[in-house]
Amino acid sequence: MRTIGNPLSFLLFGVAAICFAAISAGAQGTAAGPVAVAVENKSTPVLCAEEDNVTLTFQSAKVGRFRIEAVHPVYLAALDRDNWEADWTACDFGPKVAPSANGATDAKVLPAPRPPERVTLYETVDRWLVGLRFPEYWRPASAKVRVGEKVHEGLHLLQLWRVRPNGGEEVLVLYPQDGYWRARPKAPKGRELTAFGSSFLVGPVEFQERPIVRLAEVAYREAAGVDTFDLTFAVGGGAVLRIAELSEKQLALDVDLSALIAGKPFAALRSMYVTTFNNDVQKVATRPPGKTGWTEAGIMDFKGGDALEVWAGRQNMSQHNTSSPDMIFKGFGQ
C-alpha cells in the first residue's frame, strides 16, 4: 500500500502556499501602473513652412520613465516621389544683405557661409558618432560632450550614423545647445533614405524665445550594440536615453529620468504645420485614461488633455518632408 505522508505536513504546505500567493498578489496590486500625463497644445498658425509652430508639451510630476518612437508614415509604401526641399514661401527671417555704415541694407551681399568643422567622436565597424561646429549659430554651444575619457567643447550638432550597404544612414541627431533631438527608423530595403521631420525635447523644458532644454553635458557610450546617451541638465538632475530598437519598422528610445520633474514639462514635441498638404505633423491621437478608445483631432484643433499615449503624425502625404516619421510618446511610468 502506498502512503501519502504526514497529513499535517500537507496542511502546513497548503497554508504557506496560500500566504505566498496572497503576498504576491498584494505586491502586484501595489506596483506602479501607467501614468497619465497632461498634454498641452501650444501651437500657433504660421505661413512659413520652415518655422516650428507646433508645440506639444508633456507634464507630470510622477513620470520617471517613458518611451519615444519614430515610425514610418502609413503611406510610405505607396510613396513614389519624396520631397526634402526647404519651402521658403512666405518666410521672413531678416535681411539677406549686410548693413552698411550708414544703416543701408543694400550695401553688400553677405559672404558665403563657411563650412562647419566635422569631428569623429566614436567609430566602430557598424556605427559613427560625429560632431559638428558651425561658424555661426543662434545659441552658444556651452554643453560639453563626453565620449569615454575625452571631452569635446563647442559642438553644435551630434549625428549618430549606422552603416548600410554603399554608405551610412543618419538615424539620430542632437543639438546640445538647446536639447533638440530628431530621429528616424532605418529606410526599408529598396528605398532611399527617408527624411527627418519633427523634433523632440527630453528634460525640464524652458521657454526662451522657443522651448529648449539646457544641457550641461552629454555623455555617449556604446556596449553590446546599445547606444546610450547620459544627459546632465543645467538646472540639475539628468536622464539616460538609450536606443531600445532600431529597425526598418521604428526607432524606439527609452528614457529614464534621474529625478521627477515638477512644475514644468519633462518632454515636448516640436514640428510645423501650414496646411493639410504642407506639414510635418497633421493630426494628434491620444489614449485618455479610463477610456476604451482613442481620441483624434487635427493638430491645430487639438485641445490637449490627459493621455497615456500620444501619436502625432500624418495620414495624407505632405509636400514637405514627405517621408519623415510619425512620433509616438508612450510608456509613461514611475
Protein backbone atom coordinates (compact mmCIF):
# COMPACT_ATOMS: atom_id res chain seq x y z
CA MET A 1 0.00 0.00 0.00
CA ARG A 2 1.35 3.45 -0.97
CA THR A 3 1.46 6.05 1.84
CA ILE A 4 0.76 9.71 1.28
CA GLY A 5 2.90 11.06 4.09
CA ASN A 6 2.04 13.12 7.13
CA PRO A 7 -1.34 14.94 6.69
CA LEU A 8 -0.08 17.79 8.92
CA SER A 9 2.82 18.43 6.54
CA PHE A 10 0.41 18.81 3.62
CA LEU A 11 -1.74 21.18 5.67
CA LEU A 12 1.21 23.39 6.60
CA PHE A 13 2.44 23.39 2.98
CA GLY A 14 -1.00 24.46 1.75
CA VAL A 15 -1.21 27.32 4.26
CA ALA A 16 2.26 28.54 3.23
CA ALA A 17 1.32 28.44 -0.44
CA ILE A 18 -1.84 30.45 0.20
CA CYS A 19 0.11 33.07 2.20
CA PHE A 20 2.77 33.36 -0.52
CA ALA A 21 0.09 33.80 -3.18
CA ALA A 22 -1.60 36.49 -1.12
CA ILE A 23 1.66 38.37 -0.61
CA SER A 24 2.47 38.16 -4.32
CA ALA A 25 -0.97 39.37 -5.29
CA GLY A 26 -0.69 42.25 -2.86
CA ALA A 27 2.69 43.23 -4.24
CA GLN A 28 1.36 43.17 -7.78
CA GLY A 29 -1.66 45.18 -6.75
CA THR A 30 0.53 47.95 -5.33
CA ALA A 31 3.01 48.02 -8.22
CA ALA A 32 3.16 51.31 -10.07
CA GLY A 33 0.97 51.26 -13.15
CA PRO A 34 0.91 53.51 -16.20
CA VAL A 35 0.83 57.24 -15.55
CA ALA A 36 -1.37 59.69 -17.42
CA VAL A 37 0.39 62.92 -18.40
CA ALA A 38 -1.01 66.37 -19.13
CA VAL A 39 -0.59 67.17 -22.82
CA GLU A 40 -0.81 70.86 -23.74
CA ASN A 41 -1.03 72.20 -27.28
CA LYS A 42 0.86 75.48 -27.66
CA SER A 43 0.76 75.51 -31.48
CA THR A 44 0.15 78.74 -33.38
CA PRO A 45 -0.71 79.28 -37.07
CA VAL A 46 2.00 80.45 -39.48
CA LEU A 47 2.50 80.85 -43.23
CA CYS A 48 6.18 79.81 -43.31
CA ALA A 49 6.85 76.07 -43.63
CA GLU A 50 10.37 76.42 -42.16
CA GLU A 51 9.15 77.76 -38.82
CA ASP A 52 8.45 75.36 -35.95
CA ASN A 53 4.97 76.50 -34.96
CA VAL A 54 3.75 73.19 -33.50
CA THR A 55 4.47 72.57 -29.82
CA LEU A 56 3.06 69.77 -27.67
CA THR A 57 4.28 69.60 -24.08
CA PHE A 58 4.10 66.63 -21.69
CA GLN A 59 3.90 67.27 -17.96
CA SER A 60 3.58 65.15 -14.82
CA ALA A 61 5.43 65.17 -11.51
CA LYS A 62 5.03 61.37 -11.36
CA VAL A 63 6.86 60.34 -14.54
CA GLY A 64 10.32 58.84 -14.21
CA ARG A 65 10.45 56.87 -17.44
CA PHE A 66 8.85 56.87 -20.88
CA ARG A 67 9.41 55.83 -24.49
CA ILE A 68 9.62 57.83 -27.71
CA GLU A 69 9.15 56.09 -31.06
CA ALA A 70 9.73 57.32 -34.59
CA VAL A 71 7.75 55.22 -37.09
CA HIS A 72 7.34 55.47 -40.85
CA PRO A 73 4.13 57.18 -42.03
CA VAL A 74 1.34 54.83 -43.04
CA TYR A 75 1.58 55.86 -46.69
CA LEU A 76 5.32 55.20 -47.11
CA ALA A 77 4.85 52.03 -49.19
CA ALA A 78 2.75 54.00 -51.70
CA LEU A 79 5.16 56.94 -51.89
CA ASP A 80 6.57 57.46 -55.39
CA ARG A 81 8.06 60.93 -55.02
CA ASP A 82 9.76 62.11 -51.84
CA ASN A 83 10.41 65.79 -51.17
CA TRP A 84 13.12 67.04 -48.82
CA GLU A 85 13.40 70.55 -50.24
CA ALA A 86 13.01 73.51 -47.92
CA ASP A 87 9.97 75.71 -48.61
CA TRP A 88 10.81 79.39 -48.00
CA THR A 89 7.44 80.67 -49.27
CA ALA A 90 6.12 83.46 -47.02
CA CYS A 91 9.22 83.22 -44.79
CA ASP A 92 10.99 86.30 -43.48
CA PHE A 93 13.96 85.67 -41.21
CA GLY A 94 15.61 89.06 -41.60
CA PRO A 95 17.57 90.88 -44.31
CA LYS A 96 19.57 88.94 -46.85
CA VAL A 97 22.29 91.64 -47.07
CA ALA A 98 24.67 93.17 -44.55
CA PRO A 99 24.02 96.76 -43.43
CA SER A 100 26.47 99.49 -44.43
CA ALA A 101 27.96 102.06 -42.09
CA ASN A 102 25.05 104.44 -42.67
CA GLY A 103 22.48 101.76 -41.94
CA ALA A 104 21.50 100.91 -45.52
CA THR A 105 20.69 97.24 -46.03
CA ASP A 106 21.61 97.10 -49.72
CA ALA A 107 25.29 97.88 -49.30
CA LYS A 108 26.73 94.42 -49.97
CA VAL A 109 25.72 90.81 -50.16
CA LEU A 110 26.57 88.73 -47.13
CA PRO A 111 29.60 86.48 -47.65
CA ALA A 112 29.09 82.79 -48.38
CA PRO A 113 28.80 80.78 -45.16
CA ARG A 114 31.87 78.93 -44.03
CA PRO A 115 31.59 75.15 -43.86
CA PRO A 116 31.29 73.53 -40.44
CA GLU A 117 34.11 71.65 -38.74
CA ARG A 118 33.42 67.91 -38.59
CA VAL A 119 34.89 65.71 -35.82
CA THR A 120 34.58 61.93 -35.49
CA LEU A 121 33.80 61.21 -31.83
CA TYR A 122 33.31 57.44 -31.91
CA GLU A 123 33.61 54.82 -34.62
CA THR A 124 33.19 51.06 -34.96
CA VAL A 125 32.62 48.83 -37.96
CA ASP A 126 28.86 49.50 -37.89
CA ARG A 127 28.38 52.99 -36.42
CA TRP A 128 29.75 56.51 -36.28
CA LEU A 129 29.16 59.36 -33.85
CA VAL A 130 30.04 62.68 -35.45
CA GLY A 131 30.16 66.21 -34.02
CA LEU A 132 29.90 69.47 -35.98
CA ARG A 133 30.93 73.02 -35.10
CA PHE A 134 29.26 75.80 -37.06
CA PRO A 135 30.98 79.17 -37.57
CA GLU A 136 27.77 80.92 -36.51
CA TYR A 137 24.74 79.67 -34.62
CA TRP A 138 21.78 81.28 -32.89
CA ARG A 139 22.73 79.88 -29.46
CA PRO A 140 26.19 79.38 -27.89
CA ALA A 141 27.35 75.76 -27.70
CA SER A 142 28.02 75.59 -23.96
CA ALA A 143 27.18 71.92 -23.34
CA LYS A 144 30.16 69.57 -23.05
CA VAL A 145 30.16 66.29 -24.96
CA ARG A 146 31.95 63.36 -23.34
CA VAL A 147 32.92 60.16 -25.15
CA GLY A 148 34.99 57.85 -22.98
CA GLU A 149 37.66 59.91 -21.25
CA LYS A 150 37.65 62.66 -23.87
CA VAL A 151 35.62 65.84 -23.51
CA HIS A 152 34.67 67.95 -26.54
CA GLU A 153 33.50 71.55 -26.32
CA GLY A 154 31.81 73.91 -28.74
CA LEU A 155 29.84 71.25 -30.65
CA HIS A 156 26.57 72.44 -32.15
CA LEU A 157 25.34 69.14 -33.58
CA LEU A 158 25.77 65.42 -32.88
CA GLN A 159 24.96 62.84 -35.57
CA LEU A 160 24.67 59.11 -34.94
CA TRP A 161 25.13 57.06 -38.12
CA ARG A 162 24.64 53.38 -38.86
CA VAL A 163 26.44 51.66 -41.70
CA ARG A 164 24.30 50.44 -44.58
CA PRO A 165 25.32 48.95 -47.93
CA ASN A 166 27.19 51.53 -50.01
CA GLY A 167 27.09 54.18 -47.32
CA GLY A 168 25.78 55.32 -43.98
CA GLU A 169 22.37 56.19 -42.57
CA GLU A 170 21.94 59.04 -40.10
CA VAL A 171 19.38 57.82 -37.54
CA LEU A 172 19.59 60.21 -34.58
CA VAL A 173 20.73 63.81 -34.15
CA LEU A 174 21.04 66.13 -31.16
CA TYR A 175 21.64 69.88 -30.92
CA PRO A 176 23.31 70.03 -27.47
CA GLN A 177 22.96 73.80 -27.06
CA ASP A 178 19.14 73.68 -26.91
CA GLY A 179 18.33 69.99 -26.42
CA TYR A 180 16.59 69.35 -29.74
CA TRP A 181 16.59 65.73 -31.00
CA ARG A 182 15.50 64.23 -34.31
CA ALA A 183 15.08 60.53 -35.02
CA ARG A 184 14.12 58.27 -37.90
CA PRO A 185 13.90 54.49 -38.45
CA LYS A 186 16.05 52.66 -40.96
CA ALA A 187 14.84 53.05 -44.52
CA PRO A 188 13.02 49.98 -45.84
CA LYS A 189 15.01 47.74 -48.17
CA GLY A 190 14.95 49.01 -51.72
CA ARG A 191 14.23 52.62 -50.73
CA GLU A 192 16.46 55.65 -50.49
CA LEU A 193 16.94 57.32 -47.13
CA THR A 194 13.84 58.88 -45.62
CA ALA A 195 13.59 62.47 -44.33
CA PHE A 196 13.89 63.86 -40.84
CA GLY A 197 10.87 65.81 -39.63
CA SER A 198 9.57 66.62 -36.16
CA SER A 199 11.92 67.33 -33.25
CA PHE A 200 11.54 66.44 -29.59
CA LEU A 201 12.93 67.60 -26.25
CA VAL A 202 13.81 65.48 -23.21
CA GLY A 203 14.25 67.08 -19.79
CA PRO A 204 12.97 70.17 -17.98
CA VAL A 205 11.52 72.33 -20.77
CA GLU A 206 12.04 76.08 -20.51
CA PHE A 207 10.75 78.80 -22.83
CA GLN A 208 13.43 81.18 -24.13
CA GLU A 209 12.11 82.54 -27.41
CA ARG A 210 11.12 78.95 -28.04
CA PRO A 211 11.03 75.75 -25.93
CA ILE A 212 14.51 74.48 -25.02
CA VAL A 213 16.22 72.08 -22.63
CA ARG A 214 19.53 73.39 -21.29
CA LEU A 215 22.13 70.63 -21.17
CA ALA A 216 25.35 70.88 -19.16
CA GLU A 217 26.82 67.66 -20.52
CA VAL A 218 26.05 64.83 -22.92
CA ALA A 219 27.98 61.58 -22.49
CA TYR A 220 27.81 58.86 -25.13
CA ARG A 221 28.59 55.19 -24.56
CA GLU A 222 28.06 52.02 -26.54
CA ALA A 223 28.08 48.48 -25.21
CA ALA A 224 26.86 45.25 -26.80
CA GLY A 225 25.41 47.22 -29.69
CA VAL A 226 23.30 49.52 -27.49
CA ASP A 227 23.77 53.28 -27.96
CA THR A 228 23.24 55.27 -24.75
CA PHE A 229 23.30 59.00 -24.02
CA ASP A 230 23.70 60.19 -20.42
CA LEU A 231 22.26 63.70 -20.10
CA THR A 232 23.10 66.20 -17.36
CA PHE A 233 20.67 69.12 -17.18
CA ALA A 234 21.93 72.61 -16.43
CA VAL A 235 19.19 73.10 -13.81
CA GLY A 236 20.12 69.84 -12.05
CA GLY A 237 19.25 66.19 -12.50
CA GLY A 238 19.66 64.19 -15.65
CA ALA A 239 18.40 61.37 -17.80
CA VAL A 240 19.55 58.25 -19.60
CA LEU A 241 18.36 57.92 -23.20
CA ARG A 242 19.06 54.63 -24.97
CA ILE A 243 18.13 53.16 -28.32
CA ALA A 244 15.90 50.20 -27.48
CA GLU A 245 15.13 49.28 -31.09
CA LEU A 246 16.42 50.40 -34.46
CA SER A 247 14.82 48.63 -37.40
CA GLU A 248 13.01 49.25 -40.66
CA LYS A 249 9.85 49.46 -38.55
CA GLN A 250 10.82 52.02 -35.93
CA LEU A 251 13.46 53.73 -33.84
CA ALA A 252 12.48 53.37 -30.18
CA LEU A 253 14.15 55.37 -27.40
CA ASP A 254 13.76 54.50 -23.72
CA VAL A 255 14.21 57.44 -21.35
CA ASP A 256 14.88 57.20 -17.59
CA LEU A 257 14.89 60.43 -15.59
CA SER A 258 17.19 60.61 -12.55
CA ALA A 259 14.59 62.68 -10.68
CA LEU A 260 10.95 63.60 -11.16
CA ILE A 261 10.38 66.94 -12.90
CA ALA A 262 7.76 69.14 -11.23
CA GLY A 263 6.39 72.49 -12.31
CA LYS A 264 7.43 72.25 -15.96
CA PRO A 265 7.18 69.78 -18.85
CA PHE A 266 9.53 66.80 -18.91
CA ALA A 267 9.30 66.46 -22.72
CA ALA A 268 7.97 68.26 -25.77
CA LEU A 269 7.32 67.72 -29.46
CA ARG A 270 8.24 70.44 -31.97
CA SER A 271 7.11 70.43 -35.57
CA MET A 272 5.44 72.50 -38.31
CA TYR A 273 2.01 72.82 -39.88
CA VAL A 274 0.87 75.27 -42.57
CA THR A 275 -1.91 73.34 -44.33
CA THR A 276 -3.16 69.75 -44.59
CA PHE A 277 -0.86 69.28 -47.59
CA ASN A 278 2.16 71.21 -46.22
CA ASN A 279 3.22 69.98 -42.79
CA ASP A 280 5.44 67.65 -40.80
CA VAL A 281 2.59 66.71 -38.45
CA GLN A 282 -1.08 66.77 -39.36
CA LYS A 283 -3.07 65.05 -36.63
CA VAL A 284 -2.89 64.00 -32.99
CA ALA A 285 -4.38 60.86 -31.47
CA THR A 286 -4.40 60.28 -27.71
CA ARG A 287 -5.38 57.41 -25.45
CA PRO A 288 -7.10 59.06 -22.45
CA PRO A 289 -7.11 57.27 -19.09
CA GLY A 290 -10.29 55.39 -18.28
CA LYS A 291 -11.49 55.37 -21.88
CA THR A 292 -11.96 52.36 -24.17
CA GLY A 293 -10.89 54.16 -27.33
CA TRP A 294 -8.63 56.82 -28.80
CA THR A 295 -9.46 60.45 -29.49
CA GLU A 296 -8.30 62.15 -32.70
CA ALA A 297 -8.05 65.78 -33.82
CA GLY A 298 -6.23 67.95 -36.30
CA ILE A 299 -3.03 69.34 -34.82
CA MET A 300 -4.32 72.93 -34.80
CA ASP A 301 -7.68 71.85 -33.31
CA PHE A 302 -6.31 69.60 -30.56
CA LYS A 303 -7.41 70.91 -27.15
CA GLY A 304 -4.96 68.91 -25.04
CA GLY A 305 -5.82 66.77 -22.04
CA ASP A 306 -4.58 63.79 -20.03
CA ALA A 307 -3.19 60.87 -22.00
CA LEU A 308 -1.49 57.51 -21.53
CA GLU A 309 -0.15 57.53 -25.09
CA VAL A 310 0.16 60.15 -27.82
CA TRP A 311 0.61 59.77 -31.58
CA ALA A 312 1.44 62.80 -33.72
CA GLY A 313 1.76 62.25 -37.45
CA ARG A 314 0.14 62.22 -40.86
CA GLN A 315 -2.49 60.21 -42.69
CA ASN A 316 -2.11 62.00 -46.01
CA MET A 317 1.02 62.81 -47.98
CA SER A 318 2.59 66.21 -47.43
CA GLN A 319 4.67 68.22 -49.86
CA HIS A 320 7.12 68.93 -47.00
CA ASN A 321 9.48 66.20 -45.75
CA THR A 322 7.07 63.69 -47.24
CA SER A 323 8.73 60.55 -45.84
CA SER A 324 9.51 61.91 -42.35
CA PRO A 325 8.33 59.74 -39.45
CA ASP A 326 5.34 59.96 -37.16
CA MET A 327 6.17 60.35 -33.47
CA ILE A 328 4.74 58.37 -30.52
CA PHE A 329 5.11 59.12 -26.80
CA LYS A 330 4.11 56.23 -24.54
CA GLY A 331 5.06 54.03 -21.58
CA PHE A 332 4.82 56.81 -19.01
CA GLY A 333 5.61 55.38 -15.60
CA GLN A 334 7.32 55.93 -12.29
